[in-house]
Amino acid sequence: MKKLSLLIALCMLLTIGGVYATWSYVGSTDIIDAYAESKVTITDAVIEGTYGIYKIESNLVLTVDQADDNHEAELVFDSNDGQEVYLKVTFTPSANAPQAIKANAVESELYFGVTTPMQYKMDADGNYSDSGTAVDIFTFANPSNGVLDNTFAWTKNADGTFTYELDVDDLKDQIALSQTFVLDIKGEHDAFRTALAGNIVARVTDGTVN
């Protein structure tokens, strides 16, 4: 059996600041340079196997904002299209798939990770230090362990496809900041922004993680 696995870099623009609260710091007469990002993505790919095709769709955008203007980082979940935030997994059985697959789909697991390590170096007091301990910025409720041990329940649709959907509350349960980060000086804000060098990804698999 050809295993199915699909990786998607979600449309998650990992920025710090943005259209939310401005991170304000006491400084000199120097005007802080403006900064904006445009995320470059590649269109979705699907992998056709013996039993069918997986697809992941999401409109999630993540922004690191500050909570209550106190320089404490918080993760804001928003959409890139003005609609309700969602992530949807679809399985479409192949025409020649066994009847059991057409009736019930395949056991599948959805998990999250990062495209590259995103870590912030801190000293024992929680302040940024270039020689400090590197701490993962994000934590995930279901990171991959290479074993199909956290499967989900599919919903069968009239057209023969199967879907599994997460709303914003579900996604907040899955993706979070790993701890409290207080960025109360501009240098810490800069270092945190630099650390946000990758993307968060969602992967759906039928058991072979590749």
C-alpha atoms as a PDB file:
ATOM      1  CA  MET A   1       0.000   0.000   0.000  1.00  0.00           C
ATOM      2  CA  LYS A   2       1.355   3.403  -0.912  1.00  0.00           C
ATOM      3  CA  LYS A   3       1.201   5.562   2.184  1.00  0.00           C
ATOM      4  CA  LEU A   4      -0.378   8.993   1.985  1.00  0.00           C
ATOM      5  CA  SER A   5       1.148  12.028   3.563  1.00  0.00           C
ATOM      6  CA  LEU A   6       0.597  15.729   2.904  1.00  0.00           C
ATOM      7  CA  LEU A   7       2.458  18.701   4.280  1.00  0.00           C
ATOM      8  CA  ILE A   8       1.171  22.248   3.960  1.00  0.00           C
ATOM      9  CA  ALA A   9       2.761  25.474   5.102  1.00  0.00           C
ATOM     10  CA  LEU A  10      -0.345  27.156   6.413  1.00  0.00           C
ATOM     11  CA  CYS A  11      -1.095  30.692   5.392  1.00  0.00           C
ATOM     12  CA  MET A  12       0.277  31.808   8.730  1.00  0.00           C
ATOM     13  CA  LEU A  13       2.088  35.101   8.524  1.00  0.00           C
ATOM     14  CA  LEU A  14       4.270  34.989  11.603  1.00  0.00           C
ATOM     15  CA  THR A  15       4.830  38.657  12.286  1.00  0.00           C
ATOM     16  CA  ILE A  16       5.375  40.714  15.370  1.00  0.00           C
ATOM     17  CA  GLY A  17       3.195  43.804  15.680  1.00  0.00           C
ATOM     18  CA  GLY A  18       1.256  44.573  12.520  1.00  0.00           C
ATOM     19  CA  VAL A  19      -2.209  46.097  12.528  1.00  0.00           C
ATOM     20  CA  TYR A  20      -2.662  45.360  16.219  1.00  0.00           C
ATOM     21  CA  ALA A  21      -1.103  47.287  19.098  1.00  0.00           C
ATOM     22  CA  THR A  22       2.185  49.056  18.351  1.00  0.00           C
ATOM     23  CA  TRP A  23       5.118  47.948  20.470  1.00  0.00           C
ATOM     24  CA  SER A  24       6.235  51.263  22.016  1.00  0.00           C
ATOM     25  CA  TYR A  25       9.597  51.835  23.673  1.00  0.00           C
ATOM     26  CA  VAL A  26      11.359  54.796  25.276  1.00  0.00           C
ATOM     27  CA  GLY A  27      14.169  55.839  22.951  1.00  0.00           C
ATOM     28  CA  SER A  28      16.198  58.667  21.534  1.00  0.00           C
ATOM     29  CA  THR A  29      15.343  61.062  18.741  1.00  0.00           C
ATOM     30  CA  ASP A  30      16.002  58.251  16.256  1.00  0.00           C
ATOM     31  CA  ILE A  31      12.929  57.170  14.289  1.00  0.00           C
ATOM     32  CA  ILE A  32      12.563  53.400  14.300  1.00  0.00           C
ATOM     33  CA  ASP A  33      12.655  51.936  10.807  1.00  0.00           C
ATOM     34  CA  ALA A  34       9.358  50.622   9.479  1.00  0.00           C
ATOM     35  CA  TYR A  35       9.092  46.921   8.664  1.00  0.00           C
ATOM     36  CA  ALA A  36       6.655  44.779   6.732  1.00  0.00           C
ATOM     37  CA  GLU A  37       6.689  41.222   5.409  1.00  0.00           C
ATOM     38  CA  SER A  38       5.088  39.538   2.456  1.00  0.00           C
ATOM     39  CA  LYS A  39       4.849  35.795   2.815  1.00  0.00           C
ATOM     40  CA  VAL A  40       5.888  33.836  -0.274  1.00  0.00           C
ATOM     41  CA  THR A  41       4.020  30.559  -0.654  1.00  0.00           C
ATOM     42  CA  ILE A  42       3.792  27.767  -3.170  1.00  0.00           C
ATOM     43  CA  THR A  43       0.452  26.505  -4.402  1.00  0.00           C
ATOM     44  CA  ASP A  44      -0.909  23.322  -2.835  1.00  0.00           C
ATOM     45  CA  ALA A  45       0.220  19.916  -3.957  1.00  0.00           C
ATOM     46  CA  VAL A  46      -1.652  16.661  -3.626  1.00  0.00           C
ATOM     47  CA  ILE A  47      -0.178  13.175  -3.455  1.00  0.00           C
ATOM     48  CA  GLU A  48      -2.192  10.478  -5.153  1.00  0.00           C
ATOM     49  CA  GLY A  49      -1.969   7.055  -3.589  1.00  0.00           C
ATOM     50  CA  THR A  50      -3.690   3.728  -3.948  1.00  0.00           C
ATOM     51  CA  TYR A  51      -6.579   4.758  -1.731  1.00  0.00           C
ATOM     52  CA  GLY A  52      -7.066   8.474  -2.368  1.00  0.00           C
ATOM     53  CA  ILE A  53      -5.905  12.054  -1.920  1.00  0.00           C
ATOM     54  CA  TYR A  54      -5.445  14.310   1.103  1.00  0.00           C
ATOM     55  CA  LYS A  55      -5.913  18.074   0.988  1.00  0.00           C
ATOM     56  CA  ILE A  56      -5.507  20.731   3.691  1.00  0.00           C
ATOM     57  CA  GLU A  57      -7.059  24.206   3.486  1.00  0.00           C
ATOM     58  CA  SER A  58      -6.730  27.006   6.032  1.00  0.00           C
ATOM     59  CA  ASN A  59      -7.119  30.784   6.237  1.00  0.00           C
ATOM     60  CA  LEU A  60      -5.195  31.157   9.500  1.00  0.00           C
ATOM     61  CA  VAL A  61      -2.839  34.085  10.070  1.00  0.00           C
ATOM     62  CA  LEU A  62      -0.844  34.274  13.306  1.00  0.00           C
ATOM     63  CA  THR A  63       0.463  37.522  14.757  1.00  0.00           C
ATOM     64  CA  VAL A  64       2.559  38.030  17.887  1.00  0.00           C
ATOM     65  CA  ASP A  65       0.991  41.045  19.546  1.00  0.00           C
ATOM     66  CA  GLN A  66       1.420  42.486  23.030  1.00  0.00           C
ATOM     67  CA  ALA A  67      -1.086  41.858  25.804  1.00  0.00           C
ATOM     68  CA  ASP A  68      -2.528  44.997  27.417  1.00  0.00           C
ATOM     69  CA  ASP A  69       0.330  47.210  26.171  1.00  0.00           C
ATOM     70  CA  ASN A  70       2.683  45.709  28.770  1.00  0.00           C
ATOM     71  CA  HIS A  71       5.232  44.230  26.333  1.00  0.00           C
ATOM     72  CA  GLU A  72       4.109  40.677  27.069  1.00  0.00           C
ATOM     73  CA  ALA A  73       3.800  38.667  23.862  1.00  0.00           C
ATOM     74  CA  GLU A  74       0.509  37.022  22.991  1.00  0.00           C
ATOM     75  CA  LEU A  75      -0.503  34.965  19.976  1.00  0.00           C
ATOM     76  CA  VAL A  76      -3.391  36.404  17.957  1.00  0.00           C
ATOM     77  CA  PHE A  77      -5.377  34.121  15.636  1.00  0.00           C
ATOM     78  CA  ASP A  78      -6.920  35.826  12.628  1.00  0.00           C
ATOM     79  CA  SER A  79      -7.932  34.997   9.066  1.00  0.00           C
ATOM     80  CA  ASN A  80      -6.514  36.204   5.769  1.00  0.00           C
ATOM     81  CA  ASP A  81      -9.940  36.590   4.156  1.00  0.00           C
ATOM     82  CA  GLY A  82     -12.150  38.216   6.784  1.00  0.00           C
ATOM     83  CA  GLN A  83     -14.007  34.960   7.391  1.00  0.00           C
ATOM     84  CA  GLU A  84     -14.092  32.709  10.449  1.00  0.00           C
ATOM     85  CA  VAL A  85     -10.740  31.039  11.098  1.00  0.00           C
ATOM     86  CA  TYR A  86     -10.634  27.391  10.075  1.00  0.00           C
ATOM     87  CA  LEU A  87      -8.436  24.509   9.027  1.00  0.00           C
ATOM     88  CA  LYS A  88     -10.039  21.755   6.968  1.00  0.00           C
ATOM     89  CA  VAL A  89      -8.645  18.370   5.988  1.00  0.00           C
ATOM     90  CA  THR A  90     -10.283  16.546   3.073  1.00  0.00           C
ATOM     91  CA  PHE A  91      -9.811  12.948   1.959  1.00  0.00           C
ATOM     92  CA  THR A  92     -11.059  11.964  -1.490  1.00  0.00           C
ATOM     93  CA  PRO A  93     -11.081   8.201  -2.101  1.00  0.00           C
ATOM     94  CA  SER A  94      -9.768   6.955  -5.434  1.00  0.00           C
ATOM     95  CA  ALA A  95     -12.259   5.471  -7.878  1.00  0.00           C
ATOM     96  CA  ASN A  96     -10.588   2.070  -7.493  1.00  0.00           C
ATOM     97  CA  ALA A  97     -10.284   2.185  -3.699  1.00  0.00           C
ATOM     98  CA  PRO A  98     -11.777  -0.714  -1.697  1.00  0.00           C
ATOM     99  CA  GLN A  99     -15.368  -0.284  -0.569  1.00  0.00           C
ATOM    100  CA  ALA A 100     -14.249  -0.127   3.057  1.00  0.00           C
ATOM    101  CA  ILE A 101     -12.149   2.945   2.250  1.00  0.00           C
ATOM    102  CA  LYS A 102     -14.991   4.577   0.311  1.00  0.00           C
ATOM    103  CA  ALA A 103     -17.292   3.948   3.244  1.00  0.00           C
ATOM    104  CA  ASN A 104     -14.991   4.917   6.118  1.00  0.00           C
ATOM    105  CA  ALA A 105     -11.898   6.700   4.700  1.00  0.00           C
ATOM    106  CA  VAL A 106      -8.523   5.833   6.256  1.00  0.00           C
ATOM    107  CA  GLU A 107      -7.270   6.286   9.807  1.00  0.00           C
ATOM    108  CA  SER A 108      -5.445   9.591   9.808  1.00  0.00           C
ATOM    109  CA  GLU A 109      -3.621  11.913  12.169  1.00  0.00           C
ATOM    110  CA  LEU A 110      -3.224  15.699  12.018  1.00  0.00           C
ATOM    111  CA  TYR A 111      -0.238  17.243  13.728  1.00  0.00           C
ATOM    112  CA  PHE A 112       1.705  20.510  13.789  1.00  0.00           C
ATOM    113  CA  GLY A 113       5.308  21.613  13.688  1.00  0.00           C
ATOM    114  CA  VAL A 114       7.657  24.245  12.299  1.00  0.00           C
ATOM    115  CA  THR A 115       9.589  24.457   9.053  1.00  0.00           C
ATOM    116  CA  THR A 116      12.718  25.519  10.907  1.00  0.00           C
ATOM    117  CA  PRO A 117      13.485  25.848  14.630  1.00  0.00           C
ATOM    118  CA  MET A 118      12.184  29.147  15.994  1.00  0.00           C
ATOM    119  CA  GLN A 119      13.910  29.768  19.312  1.00  0.00           C
ATOM    120  CA  TYR A 120      14.477  32.770  21.555  1.00  0.00           C
ATOM    121  CA  LYS A 121      17.561  32.897  23.794  1.00  0.00           C
ATOM    122  CA  MET A 122      16.922  33.916  27.398  1.00  0.00           C
ATOM    123  CA  ASP A 123      18.811  34.149  30.662  1.00  0.00           C
ATOM    124  CA  ALA A 124      17.501  32.879  34.013  1.00  0.00           C
ATOM    125  CA  ASP A 125      15.461  36.070  34.494  1.00  0.00           C
ATOM    126  CA  GLY A 126      13.667  35.724  31.162  1.00  0.00           C
ATOM    127  CA  ASN A 127      15.632  38.496  29.449  1.00  0.00           C
ATOM    128  CA  TYR A 128      17.135  38.076  26.008  1.00  0.00           C
ATOM    129  CA  SER A 129      20.767  36.970  26.048  1.00  0.00           C
ATOM    130  CA  ASP A 130      22.839  35.924  23.067  1.00  0.00           C
ATOM    131  CA  SER A 131      24.506  33.347  25.307  1.00  0.00           C
ATOM    132  CA  GLY A 132      21.269  32.327  27.014  1.00  0.00           C
ATOM    133  CA  THR A 133      19.229  29.150  26.728  1.00  0.00           C
ATOM    134  CA  ALA A 134      17.447  28.711  23.397  1.00  0.00           C
ATOM    135  CA  VAL A 135      13.730  28.212  24.068  1.00  0.00           C
ATOM    136  CA  ASP A 136      11.191  27.098  21.463  1.00  0.00           C
ATOM    137  CA  ILE A 137       8.766  29.951  20.862  1.00  0.00           C
ATOM    138  CA  PHE A 138       5.837  27.658  19.988  1.00  0.00           C
ATOM    139  CA  THR A 139       4.403  24.552  21.543  1.00  0.00           C
ATOM    140  CA  PHE A 140       1.955  22.122  19.931  1.00  0.00           C
ATOM    141  CA  ALA A 141      -0.648  19.883  21.512  1.00  0.00           C
ATOM    142  CA  ASN A 142       0.045  17.161  18.957  1.00  0.00           C
ATOM    143  CA  PRO A 143       3.563  17.276  17.528  1.00  0.00           C
ATOM    144  CA  SER A 144       4.658  14.316  15.439  1.00  0.00           C
ATOM    145  CA  ASN A 145       6.198  11.334  17.154  1.00  0.00           C
ATOM    146  CA  GLY A 146       6.272   9.164  14.029  1.00  0.00           C
ATOM    147  CA  VAL A 147       3.435   6.944  15.270  1.00  0.00           C
ATOM    148  CA  LEU A 148      -0.229   6.971  14.242  1.00  0.00           C
ATOM    149  CA  ASP A 149      -1.552   7.325  17.792  1.00  0.00           C
ATOM    150  CA  ASN A 150      -3.865  10.349  17.779  1.00  0.00           C
ATOM    151  CA  THR A 151      -6.365   9.767  15.009  1.00  0.00           C
ATOM    152  CA  PHE A 152      -9.472  11.870  14.405  1.00  0.00           C
ATOM    153  CA  ALA A 153     -13.022  11.130  13.269  1.00  0.00           C
ATOM    154  CA  TRP A 154     -13.942  11.901   9.658  1.00  0.00           C
ATOM    155  CA  THR A 155     -17.274  13.364   8.535  1.00  0.00           C
ATOM    156  CA  LYS A 156     -18.577  11.733   5.364  1.00  0.00           C
ATOM    157  CA  ASN A 157     -20.071  14.070   2.750  1.00  0.00           C
ATOM    158  CA  ALA A 158     -22.737  13.442   0.111  1.00  0.00           C
ATOM    159  CA  ASP A 159     -20.152  13.644  -2.687  1.00  0.00           C
ATOM    160  CA  GLY A 160     -18.167  10.737  -1.241  1.00  0.00           C
ATOM    161  CA  THR A 161     -15.393  12.847   0.282  1.00  0.00           C
ATOM    162  CA  PHE A 162     -14.505  12.966   3.962  1.00  0.00           C
ATOM    163  CA  THR A 163     -13.653  16.092   5.967  1.00  0.00           C
ATOM    164  CA  TYR A 164     -12.268  17.026   9.355  1.00  0.00           C
ATOM    165  CA  GLU A 165     -12.412  20.686  10.374  1.00  0.00           C
ATOM    166  CA  LEU A 166     -10.934  22.764  13.199  1.00  0.00           C
ATOM    167  CA  ASP A 167     -12.283  26.178  14.175  1.00  0.00           C
ATOM    168  CA  VAL A 168     -10.360  28.964  15.877  1.00  0.00           C
ATOM    169  CA  ASP A 169     -10.852  27.519  19.376  1.00  0.00           C
ATOM    170  CA  ASP A 170      -9.598  24.131  18.208  1.00  0.00           C
ATOM    171  CA  LEU A 171      -6.540  25.764  16.650  1.00  0.00           C
ATOM    172  CA  LYS A 172      -5.832  27.693  19.844  1.00  0.00           C
ATOM    173  CA  ASP A 173      -5.814  24.353  21.643  1.00  0.00           C
ATOM    174  CA  GLN A 174      -3.266  23.049  19.134  1.00  0.00           C
ATOM    175  CA  ILE A 175      -0.880  26.014  18.754  1.00  0.00           C
ATOM    176  CA  ALA A 176       0.400  28.261  21.542  1.00  0.00           C
ATOM    177  CA  LEU A 177       3.390  30.228  22.769  1.00  0.00           C
ATOM    178  CA  SER A 178       5.565  27.916  24.845  1.00  0.00           C
ATOM    179  CA  GLN A 179       5.782  30.318  27.805  1.00  0.00           C
ATOM    180  CA  THR A 180       5.540  33.977  28.787  1.00  0.00           C
ATOM    181  CA  PHE A 181       7.817  36.231  26.767  1.00  0.00           C
ATOM    182  CA  VAL A 182       8.233  39.829  27.967  1.00  0.00           C
ATOM    183  CA  LEU A 183       9.898  42.031  25.362  1.00  0.00           C
ATOM    184  CA  ASP A 184      10.259  45.244  27.321  1.00  0.00           C
ATOM    185  CA  ILE A 185      13.241  46.680  25.465  1.00  0.00           C
ATOM    186  CA  LYS A 186      13.580  47.289  21.746  1.00  0.00           C
ATOM    187  CA  GLY A 187      16.545  44.889  21.448  1.00  0.00           C
ATOM    188  CA  GLU A 188      14.382  42.040  22.725  1.00  0.00           C
ATOM    189  CA  HIS A 189      11.680  42.882  20.208  1.00  0.00           C
ATOM    190  CA  ASP A 190      14.313  42.781  17.446  1.00  0.00           C
ATOM    191  CA  ALA A 191      15.695  39.442  18.630  1.00  0.00           C
ATOM    192  CA  PHE A 192      12.225  37.916  18.868  1.00  0.00           C
ATOM    193  CA  ARG A 193      11.366  39.105  15.356  1.00  0.00           C
ATOM    194  CA  THR A 194      14.584  37.569  14.039  1.00  0.00           C
ATOM    195  CA  ALA A 195      13.707  34.283  15.737  1.00  0.00           C
ATOM    196  CA  LEU A 196      10.407  34.105  13.826  1.00  0.00           C
ATOM    197  CA  ALA A 197      12.289  32.808  10.809  1.00  0.00           C
ATOM    198  CA  GLY A 198      10.042  29.924   9.765  1.00  0.00           C
ATOM    199  CA  ASN A 199       6.440  28.887   9.360  1.00  0.00           C
ATOM    200  CA  ILE A 200       4.066  26.672  11.269  1.00  0.00           C
ATOM    201  CA  VAL A 201       2.969  23.640   9.286  1.00  0.00           C
ATOM    202  CA  ALA A 202       0.140  21.164   9.558  1.00  0.00           C
ATOM    203  CA  ARG A 203       0.579  17.628   8.300  1.00  0.00           C
ATOM    204  CA  VAL A 204      -1.986  14.891   7.814  1.00  0.00           C
ATOM    205  CA  THR A 205      -0.760  11.344   7.494  1.00  0.00           C
ATOM    206  CA  ASP A 206      -2.099   7.796   7.379  1.00  0.00           C
ATOM    207  CA  GLY A 207       0.828   6.500   9.395  1.00  0.00           C
ATOM    208  CA  THR A 208       4.054   6.939   7.472  1.00  0.00           C
ATOM    209  CA  VAL A 209       5.569  10.294   8.401  1.00  0.00           C
ATOM    210  CA  ASN A 210       7.712  11.486   5.488  1.00  0.00           C
END
